[in-house]
ModelCIF file with pLDDT and N, C-alpha, C, O atoms, coordinates in Angstrom:
data_MODEL
#
_entry.id   MODEL 
#
_entity.id                         1 
_entity.type                       polymer 
_entity.pdbx_number_of_molecules   1 
#
_entity_poly.entity_id                      1 
_entity_poly.type                           'polypeptide(L)' 
_entity_poly.nstd_linkage                   no 
_entity_poly.nstd_monomer                   no 
_entity_poly.pdbx_seq_one_letter_code       
;(UNK)(UNK)(UNK)(UNK)(UNK)(UNK)(UNK)(UNK)(UNK)(UNK)(UNK)(UNK)(UNK)(UNK)(UNK)(UNK)
(UNK)(UNK)(UNK)(UNK)(UNK)(UNK)(UNK)(UNK)(UNK)(UNK)(UNK)(UNK)(UNK)(UNK)(UNK)(UNK)
(UNK)(UNK)(UNK)
;
_entity_poly.pdbx_seq_one_letter_code_can   XXXXXXXXXXXXXXXXXXXXXXXXXXXXXXXXXXX 
_entity_poly.pdbx_strand_id                 A 
#
loop_
_entity_poly_seq.entity_id 
_entity_poly_seq.num 
_entity_poly_seq.mon_id 
_entity_poly_seq.hetero 
1 1  UNK n 
1 2  UNK n 
1 3  UNK n 
1 4  UNK n 
1 5  UNK n 
1 6  UNK n 
1 7  UNK n 
1 8  UNK n 
1 9  UNK n 
1 10 UNK n 
1 11 UNK n 
1 12 UNK n 
1 13 UNK n 
1 14 UNK n 
1 15 UNK n 
1 16 UNK n 
1 17 UNK n 
1 18 UNK n 
1 19 UNK n 
1 20 UNK n 
1 21 UNK n 
1 22 UNK n 
1 23 UNK n 
1 24 UNK n 
1 25 UNK n 
1 26 UNK n 
1 27 UNK n 
1 28 UNK n 
1 29 UNK n 
1 30 UNK n 
1 31 UNK n 
1 32 UNK n 
1 33 UNK n 
1 34 UNK n 
1 35 UNK n 
#
_struct_asym.id          A 
_struct_asym.entity_id   1 
#
loop_
_ma_qa_metric.id 
_ma_qa_metric.mode 
_ma_qa_metric.name 
_ma_qa_metric.software_group_id 
_ma_qa_metric.type 
1 global pLDDT . pLDDT 
2 local  pLDDT . pLDDT 
#
_ma_qa_metric_global.metric_id      1 
_ma_qa_metric_global.metric_value   87.20 
_ma_qa_metric_global.model_id       1 
_ma_qa_metric_global.ordinal_id     1 
#
loop_
_ma_qa_metric_local.label_asym_id 
_ma_qa_metric_local.label_comp_id 
_ma_qa_metric_local.label_seq_id 
_ma_qa_metric_local.metric_id 
_ma_qa_metric_local.metric_value 
_ma_qa_metric_local.model_id 
_ma_qa_metric_local.ordinal_id 
A UNK 1  2 92.00 1 1  
A UNK 2  2 93.00 1 2  
A UNK 3  2 91.00 1 3  
A UNK 4  2 93.00 1 4  
A UNK 5  2 94.00 1 5  
A UNK 6  2 95.00 1 6  
A UNK 7  2 95.00 1 7  
A UNK 8  2 95.00 1 8  
A UNK 9  2 93.00 1 9  
A UNK 10 2 92.00 1 10 
A UNK 11 2 88.00 1 11 
A UNK 12 2 86.00 1 12 
A UNK 13 2 80.00 1 13 
A UNK 14 2 74.00 1 14 
A UNK 15 2 68.00 1 15 
A UNK 16 2 75.00 1 16 
A UNK 17 2 80.00 1 17 
A UNK 18 2 81.00 1 18 
A UNK 19 2 82.00 1 19 
A UNK 20 2 82.00 1 20 
A UNK 21 2 83.00 1 21 
A UNK 22 2 86.00 1 22 
A UNK 23 2 87.00 1 23 
A UNK 24 2 85.00 1 24 
A UNK 25 2 88.00 1 25 
A UNK 26 2 89.00 1 26 
A UNK 27 2 87.00 1 27 
A UNK 28 2 89.00 1 28 
A UNK 29 2 91.00 1 29 
A UNK 30 2 89.00 1 30 
A UNK 31 2 89.00 1 31 
A UNK 32 2 91.00 1 32 
A UNK 33 2 91.00 1 33 
A UNK 34 2 90.00 1 34 
A UNK 35 2 88.00 1 35 
#
loop_
_atom_site.group_PDB 
_atom_site.id 
_atom_site.type_symbol 
_atom_site.label_atom_id 
_atom_site.label_alt_id 
_atom_site.label_comp_id 
_atom_site.label_asym_id 
_atom_site.label_entity_id 
_atom_site.label_seq_id 
_atom_site.pdbx_PDB_ins_code 
_atom_site.Cartn_x 
_atom_site.Cartn_y 
_atom_site.Cartn_z 
_atom_site.occupancy 
_atom_site.B_iso_or_equiv 
_atom_site.pdbx_formal_charge 
_atom_site.auth_seq_id 
_atom_site.auth_comp_id 
_atom_site.auth_asym_id 
_atom_site.auth_atom_id 
_atom_site.pdbx_PDB_model_num 
ATOM 1   N N  . UNK A 1 1  ? -65.811 -34.097 64.928 1.00 92.00 ? 1  UNK A N  1 
ATOM 2   C CA . UNK A 1 1  ? -65.880 -32.639 65.104 1.00 92.00 ? 1  UNK A CA 1 
ATOM 3   C C  . UNK A 1 1  ? -65.622 -31.889 63.803 1.00 92.00 ? 1  UNK A C  1 
ATOM 4   O O  . UNK A 1 1  ? -66.283 -30.888 63.527 1.00 92.00 ? 1  UNK A O  1 
ATOM 5   N N  . UNK A 1 2  ? -64.677 -32.358 63.005 1.00 93.00 ? 2  UNK A N  1 
ATOM 6   C CA . UNK A 1 2  ? -64.306 -31.661 61.764 1.00 93.00 ? 2  UNK A CA 1 
ATOM 7   C C  . UNK A 1 2  ? -64.919 -32.301 60.526 1.00 93.00 ? 2  UNK A C  1 
ATOM 8   O O  . UNK A 1 2  ? -64.472 -32.066 59.403 1.00 93.00 ? 2  UNK A O  1 
ATOM 9   N N  . UNK A 1 3  ? -65.949 -33.112 60.746 1.00 91.00 ? 3  UNK A N  1 
ATOM 10  C CA . UNK A 1 3  ? -66.653 -33.787 59.644 1.00 91.00 ? 3  UNK A CA 1 
ATOM 11  C C  . UNK A 1 3  ? -65.685 -34.558 58.733 1.00 91.00 ? 3  UNK A C  1 
ATOM 12  O O  . UNK A 1 3  ? -65.563 -34.237 57.550 1.00 91.00 ? 3  UNK A O  1 
ATOM 13  N N  . UNK A 1 4  ? -65.004 -35.564 59.275 1.00 93.00 ? 4  UNK A N  1 
ATOM 14  C CA . UNK A 1 4  ? -64.028 -36.311 58.469 1.00 93.00 ? 4  UNK A CA 1 
ATOM 15  C C  . UNK A 1 4  ? -64.709 -37.090 57.356 1.00 93.00 ? 4  UNK A C  1 
ATOM 16  O O  . UNK A 1 4  ? -65.898 -37.400 57.428 1.00 93.00 ? 4  UNK A O  1 
ATOM 17  N N  . UNK A 1 5  ? -63.941 -37.396 56.339 1.00 94.00 ? 5  UNK A N  1 
ATOM 18  C CA . UNK A 1 5  ? -64.461 -38.194 55.231 1.00 94.00 ? 5  UNK A CA 1 
ATOM 19  C C  . UNK A 1 5  ? -64.412 -39.689 55.547 1.00 94.00 ? 5  UNK A C  1 
ATOM 20  O O  . UNK A 1 5  ? -65.153 -40.478 54.961 1.00 94.00 ? 5  UNK A O  1 
ATOM 21  N N  . UNK A 1 6  ? -63.527 -40.074 56.483 1.00 95.00 ? 6  UNK A N  1 
ATOM 22  C CA . UNK A 1 6  ? -63.425 -41.476 56.885 1.00 95.00 ? 6  UNK A CA 1 
ATOM 23  C C  . UNK A 1 6  ? -63.315 -41.553 58.400 1.00 95.00 ? 6  UNK A C  1 
ATOM 24  O O  . UNK A 1 6  ? -62.502 -40.856 59.008 1.00 95.00 ? 6  UNK A O  1 
ATOM 25  N N  . UNK A 1 7  ? -64.136 -42.403 59.005 1.00 95.00 ? 7  UNK A N  1 
ATOM 26  C CA . UNK A 1 7  ? -64.083 -42.650 60.440 1.00 95.00 ? 7  UNK A CA 1 
ATOM 27  C C  . UNK A 1 7  ? -63.719 -44.108 60.666 1.00 95.00 ? 7  UNK A C  1 
ATOM 28  O O  . UNK A 1 7  ? -64.374 -45.011 60.146 1.00 95.00 ? 7  UNK A O  1 
ATOM 29  N N  . UNK A 1 8  ? -62.657 -44.331 61.454 1.00 95.00 ? 8  UNK A N  1 
ATOM 30  C CA . UNK A 1 8  ? -62.220 -45.677 61.811 1.00 95.00 ? 8  UNK A CA 1 
ATOM 31  C C  . UNK A 1 8  ? -62.612 -45.915 63.262 1.00 95.00 ? 8  UNK A C  1 
ATOM 32  O O  . UNK A 1 8  ? -62.171 -45.184 64.149 1.00 95.00 ? 8  UNK A O  1 
ATOM 33  N N  . UNK A 1 9  ? -63.436 -46.929 63.514 1.00 93.00 ? 9  UNK A N  1 
ATOM 34  C CA . UNK A 1 9  ? -63.884 -47.246 64.872 1.00 93.00 ? 9  UNK A CA 1 
ATOM 35  C C  . UNK A 1 9  ? -63.302 -48.592 65.277 1.00 93.00 ? 9  UNK A C  1 
ATOM 36  O O  . UNK A 1 9  ? -63.685 -49.633 64.742 1.00 93.00 ? 9  UNK A O  1 
ATOM 37  N N  . UNK A 1 10 ? -62.371 -48.563 66.229 1.00 92.00 ? 10 UNK A N  1 
ATOM 38  C CA . UNK A 1 10 ? -61.657 -49.764 66.657 1.00 92.00 ? 10 UNK A CA 1 
ATOM 39  C C  . UNK A 1 10 ? -62.311 -50.339 67.915 1.00 92.00 ? 10 UNK A C  1 
ATOM 40  O O  . UNK A 1 10 ? -62.132 -49.811 69.013 1.00 92.00 ? 10 UNK A O  1 
ATOM 41  N N  . UNK A 1 11 ? -63.061 -51.412 67.745 1.00 88.00 ? 11 UNK A N  1 
ATOM 42  C CA . UNK A 1 11 ? -63.769 -52.068 68.859 1.00 88.00 ? 11 UNK A CA 1 
ATOM 43  C C  . UNK A 1 11 ? -64.507 -51.026 69.712 1.00 88.00 ? 11 UNK A C  1 
ATOM 44  O O  . UNK A 1 11 ? -64.261 -50.950 70.916 1.00 88.00 ? 11 UNK A O  1 
ATOM 45  N N  . UNK A 1 12 ? -65.399 -50.229 69.128 1.00 86.00 ? 12 UNK A N  1 
ATOM 46  C CA . UNK A 1 12 ? -65.990 -49.114 69.869 1.00 86.00 ? 12 UNK A CA 1 
ATOM 47  C C  . UNK A 1 12 ? -66.998 -49.528 70.930 1.00 86.00 ? 12 UNK A C  1 
ATOM 48  O O  . UNK A 1 12 ? -67.422 -48.689 71.725 1.00 86.00 ? 12 UNK A O  1 
ATOM 49  N N  . UNK A 1 13 ? -67.400 -50.815 70.965 1.00 80.00 ? 13 UNK A N  1 
ATOM 50  C CA . UNK A 1 13 ? -68.437 -51.221 71.921 1.00 80.00 ? 13 UNK A CA 1 
ATOM 51  C C  . UNK A 1 13 ? -67.980 -52.332 72.855 1.00 80.00 ? 13 UNK A C  1 
ATOM 52  O O  . UNK A 1 13 ? -68.802 -52.891 73.581 1.00 80.00 ? 13 UNK A O  1 
ATOM 53  N N  . UNK A 1 14 ? -66.688 -52.669 72.857 1.00 74.00 ? 14 UNK A N  1 
ATOM 54  C CA . UNK A 1 14 ? -66.204 -53.847 73.583 1.00 74.00 ? 14 UNK A CA 1 
ATOM 55  C C  . UNK A 1 14 ? -66.515 -53.803 75.079 1.00 74.00 ? 14 UNK A C  1 
ATOM 56  O O  . UNK A 1 14 ? -66.963 -54.799 75.646 1.00 74.00 ? 14 UNK A O  1 
ATOM 57  N N  . UNK A 1 15 ? -66.282 -52.661 75.721 1.00 68.00 ? 15 UNK A N  1 
ATOM 58  C CA . UNK A 1 15 ? -66.399 -52.583 77.178 1.00 68.00 ? 15 UNK A CA 1 
ATOM 59  C C  . UNK A 1 15 ? -67.785 -52.133 77.648 1.00 68.00 ? 15 UNK A C  1 
ATOM 60  O O  . UNK A 1 15 ? -67.966 -51.814 78.823 1.00 68.00 ? 15 UNK A O  1 
ATOM 61  N N  . UNK A 1 16 ? -68.753 -52.106 76.748 1.00 75.00 ? 16 UNK A N  1 
ATOM 62  C CA . UNK A 1 16 ? -70.072 -51.566 77.074 1.00 75.00 ? 16 UNK A CA 1 
ATOM 63  C C  . UNK A 1 16 ? -71.108 -52.680 77.186 1.00 75.00 ? 16 UNK A C  1 
ATOM 64  O O  . UNK A 1 16 ? -70.962 -53.737 76.572 1.00 75.00 ? 16 UNK A O  1 
ATOM 65  N N  . UNK A 1 17 ? -72.161 -52.434 77.978 1.00 80.00 ? 17 UNK A N  1 
ATOM 66  C CA . UNK A 1 17 ? -73.215 -53.440 78.064 1.00 80.00 ? 17 UNK A CA 1 
ATOM 67  C C  . UNK A 1 17 ? -74.036 -53.444 76.777 1.00 80.00 ? 17 UNK A C  1 
ATOM 68  O O  . UNK A 1 17 ? -73.913 -52.547 75.944 1.00 80.00 ? 17 UNK A O  1 
ATOM 69  N N  . UNK A 1 18 ? -74.871 -54.464 76.632 1.00 81.00 ? 18 UNK A N  1 
ATOM 70  C CA . UNK A 1 18 ? -75.531 -54.719 75.348 1.00 81.00 ? 18 UNK A CA 1 
ATOM 71  C C  . UNK A 1 18 ? -76.400 -53.545 74.911 1.00 81.00 ? 18 UNK A C  1 
ATOM 72  O O  . UNK A 1 18 ? -76.405 -53.188 73.733 1.00 81.00 ? 18 UNK A O  1 
ATOM 73  N N  . UNK A 1 19 ? -77.130 -52.944 75.840 1.00 82.00 ? 19 UNK A N  1 
ATOM 74  C CA . UNK A 1 19 ? -78.008 -51.833 75.487 1.00 82.00 ? 19 UNK A CA 1 
ATOM 75  C C  . UNK A 1 19 ? -77.212 -50.649 74.972 1.00 82.00 ? 19 UNK A C  1 
ATOM 76  O O  . UNK A 1 19 ? -77.580 -50.042 73.966 1.00 82.00 ? 19 UNK A O  1 
ATOM 77  N N  . UNK A 1 20 ? -76.120 -50.312 75.657 1.00 82.00 ? 20 UNK A N  1 
ATOM 78  C CA . UNK A 1 20 ? -75.288 -49.187 75.228 1.00 82.00 ? 20 UNK A CA 1 
ATOM 79  C C  . UNK A 1 20 ? -74.584 -49.521 73.918 1.00 82.00 ? 20 UNK A C  1 
ATOM 80  O O  . UNK A 1 20 ? -74.413 -48.644 73.071 1.00 82.00 ? 20 UNK A O  1 
ATOM 81  N N  . UNK A 1 21 ? -74.173 -50.778 73.740 1.00 83.00 ? 21 UNK A N  1 
ATOM 82  C CA . UNK A 1 21 ? -73.567 -51.183 72.471 1.00 83.00 ? 21 UNK A CA 1 
ATOM 83  C C  . UNK A 1 21 ? -74.486 -50.858 71.300 1.00 83.00 ? 21 UNK A C  1 
ATOM 84  O O  . UNK A 1 21 ? -74.053 -50.286 70.300 1.00 83.00 ? 21 UNK A O  1 
ATOM 85  N N  . UNK A 1 22 ? -75.750 -51.224 71.433 1.00 86.00 ? 22 UNK A N  1 
ATOM 86  C CA . UNK A 1 22 ? -76.708 -50.986 70.351 1.00 86.00 ? 22 UNK A CA 1 
ATOM 87  C C  . UNK A 1 22 ? -76.859 -49.494 70.079 1.00 86.00 ? 22 UNK A C  1 
ATOM 88  O O  . UNK A 1 22 ? -76.971 -49.085 68.923 1.00 86.00 ? 22 UNK A O  1 
ATOM 89  N N  . UNK A 1 23 ? -76.862 -48.683 71.121 1.00 87.00 ? 23 UNK A N  1 
ATOM 90  C CA . UNK A 1 23 ? -76.998 -47.234 70.944 1.00 87.00 ? 23 UNK A CA 1 
ATOM 91  C C  . UNK A 1 23 ? -75.785 -46.653 70.223 1.00 87.00 ? 23 UNK A C  1 
ATOM 92  O O  . UNK A 1 23 ? -75.933 -45.805 69.343 1.00 87.00 ? 23 UNK A O  1 
ATOM 93  N N  . UNK A 1 24 ? -74.589 -47.103 70.591 1.00 85.00 ? 24 UNK A N  1 
ATOM 94  C CA . UNK A 1 24 ? -73.367 -46.598 69.945 1.00 85.00 ? 24 UNK A CA 1 
ATOM 95  C C  . UNK A 1 24 ? -73.333 -46.995 68.476 1.00 85.00 ? 24 UNK A C  1 
ATOM 96  O O  . UNK A 1 24 ? -72.971 -46.181 67.626 1.00 85.00 ? 24 UNK A O  1 
ATOM 97  N N  . UNK A 1 25 ? -73.703 -48.228 68.167 1.00 88.00 ? 25 UNK A N  1 
ATOM 98  C CA . UNK A 1 25 ? -73.713 -48.669 66.768 1.00 88.00 ? 25 UNK A CA 1 
ATOM 99  C C  . UNK A 1 25 ? -74.745 -47.896 65.953 1.00 88.00 ? 25 UNK A C  1 
ATOM 100 O O  . UNK A 1 25 ? -74.478 -47.498 64.819 1.00 88.00 ? 25 UNK A O  1 
ATOM 101 N N  . UNK A 1 26 ? -75.912 -47.687 66.529 1.00 89.00 ? 26 UNK A N  1 
ATOM 102 C CA . UNK A 1 26 ? -76.934 -46.883 65.841 1.00 89.00 ? 26 UNK A CA 1 
ATOM 103 C C  . UNK A 1 26 ? -76.413 -45.480 65.570 1.00 89.00 ? 26 UNK A C  1 
ATOM 104 O O  . UNK A 1 26 ? -76.658 -44.918 64.502 1.00 89.00 ? 26 UNK A O  1 
ATOM 105 N N  . UNK A 1 27 ? -75.697 -44.913 66.533 1.00 87.00 ? 27 UNK A N  1 
ATOM 106 C CA . UNK A 1 27 ? -75.138 -43.570 66.376 1.00 87.00 ? 27 UNK A CA 1 
ATOM 107 C C  . UNK A 1 27 ? -74.124 -43.535 65.233 1.00 87.00 ? 27 UNK A C  1 
ATOM 108 O O  . UNK A 1 27 ? -74.160 -42.633 64.397 1.00 87.00 ? 27 UNK A O  1 
ATOM 109 N N  . UNK A 1 28 ? -73.222 -44.515 65.196 1.00 89.00 ? 28 UNK A N  1 
ATOM 110 C CA . UNK A 1 28 ? -72.216 -44.544 64.139 1.00 89.00 ? 28 UNK A CA 1 
ATOM 111 C C  . UNK A 1 28 ? -72.862 -44.668 62.757 1.00 89.00 ? 28 UNK A C  1 
ATOM 112 O O  . UNK A 1 28 ? -72.439 -44.005 61.810 1.00 89.00 ? 28 UNK A O  1 
ATOM 113 N N  . UNK A 1 29 ? -73.875 -45.509 62.646 1.00 91.00 ? 29 UNK A N  1 
ATOM 114 C CA . UNK A 1 29 ? -74.536 -45.685 61.358 1.00 91.00 ? 29 UNK A CA 1 
ATOM 115 C C  . UNK A 1 29 ? -75.304 -44.437 60.951 1.00 91.00 ? 29 UNK A C  1 
ATOM 116 O O  . UNK A 1 29 ? -75.338 -44.077 59.775 1.00 91.00 ? 29 UNK A O  1 
ATOM 117 N N  . UNK A 1 30 ? -75.917 -43.781 61.923 1.00 89.00 ? 30 UNK A N  1 
ATOM 118 C CA . UNK A 1 30 ? -76.640 -42.535 61.611 1.00 89.00 ? 30 UNK A CA 1 
ATOM 119 C C  . UNK A 1 30 ? -75.671 -41.464 61.128 1.00 89.00 ? 30 UNK A C  1 
ATOM 120 O O  . UNK A 1 30 ? -75.963 -40.743 60.174 1.00 89.00 ? 30 UNK A O  1 
ATOM 121 N N  . UNK A 1 31 ? -74.522 -41.359 61.783 1.00 89.00 ? 31 UNK A N  1 
ATOM 122 C CA . UNK A 1 31 ? -73.528 -40.362 61.380 1.00 89.00 ? 31 UNK A CA 1 
ATOM 123 C C  . UNK A 1 31 ? -72.971 -40.683 59.988 1.00 89.00 ? 31 UNK A C  1 
ATOM 124 O O  . UNK A 1 31 ? -72.748 -39.779 59.182 1.00 89.00 ? 31 UNK A O  1 
ATOM 125 N N  . UNK A 1 32 ? -72.748 -41.964 59.711 1.00 91.00 ? 32 UNK A N  1 
ATOM 126 C CA . UNK A 1 32 ? -72.280 -42.339 58.377 1.00 91.00 ? 32 UNK A CA 1 
ATOM 127 C C  . UNK A 1 32 ? -73.300 -41.951 57.314 1.00 91.00 ? 32 UNK A C  1 
ATOM 128 O O  . UNK A 1 32 ? -72.948 -41.406 56.268 1.00 91.00 ? 32 UNK A O  1 
ATOM 129 N N  . UNK A 1 33 ? -74.553 -42.237 57.592 1.00 91.00 ? 33 UNK A N  1 
ATOM 130 C CA . UNK A 1 33 ? -75.615 -41.929 56.628 1.00 91.00 ? 33 UNK A CA 1 
ATOM 131 C C  . UNK A 1 33 ? -75.805 -40.425 56.449 1.00 91.00 ? 33 UNK A C  1 
ATOM 132 O O  . UNK A 1 33 ? -75.924 -39.939 55.324 1.00 91.00 ? 33 UNK A O  1 
ATOM 133 N N  . UNK A 1 34 ? -75.831 -39.698 57.549 1.00 90.00 ? 34 UNK A N  1 
ATOM 134 C CA . UNK A 1 34 ? -76.117 -38.253 57.483 1.00 90.00 ? 34 UNK A CA 1 
ATOM 135 C C  . UNK A 1 34 ? -74.943 -37.464 56.915 1.00 90.00 ? 34 UNK A C  1 
ATOM 136 O O  . UNK A 1 34 ? -75.146 -36.469 56.219 1.00 90.00 ? 34 UNK A O  1 
ATOM 137 N N  . UNK A 1 35 ? -73.717 -37.899 57.204 1.00 88.00 ? 35 UNK A N  1 
ATOM 138 C CA . UNK A 1 35 ? -72.536 -37.140 56.779 1.00 88.00 ? 35 UNK A CA 1 
ATOM 139 C C  . UNK A 1 35 ? -71.886 -37.697 55.519 1.00 88.00 ? 35 UNK A C  1 
ATOM 140 O O  . UNK A 1 35 ? -70.885 -37.157 55.050 1.00 88.00 ? 35 UNK A O  1 
#
């Protein structure tokens, strides 16, 4: 929300099914690249 300079993601996909895992990882990488 506040555009942090560092984001720590602790097991962000552990409880999710494979399709949702891939979407969450893609989202994190897109945010890292864009921000």
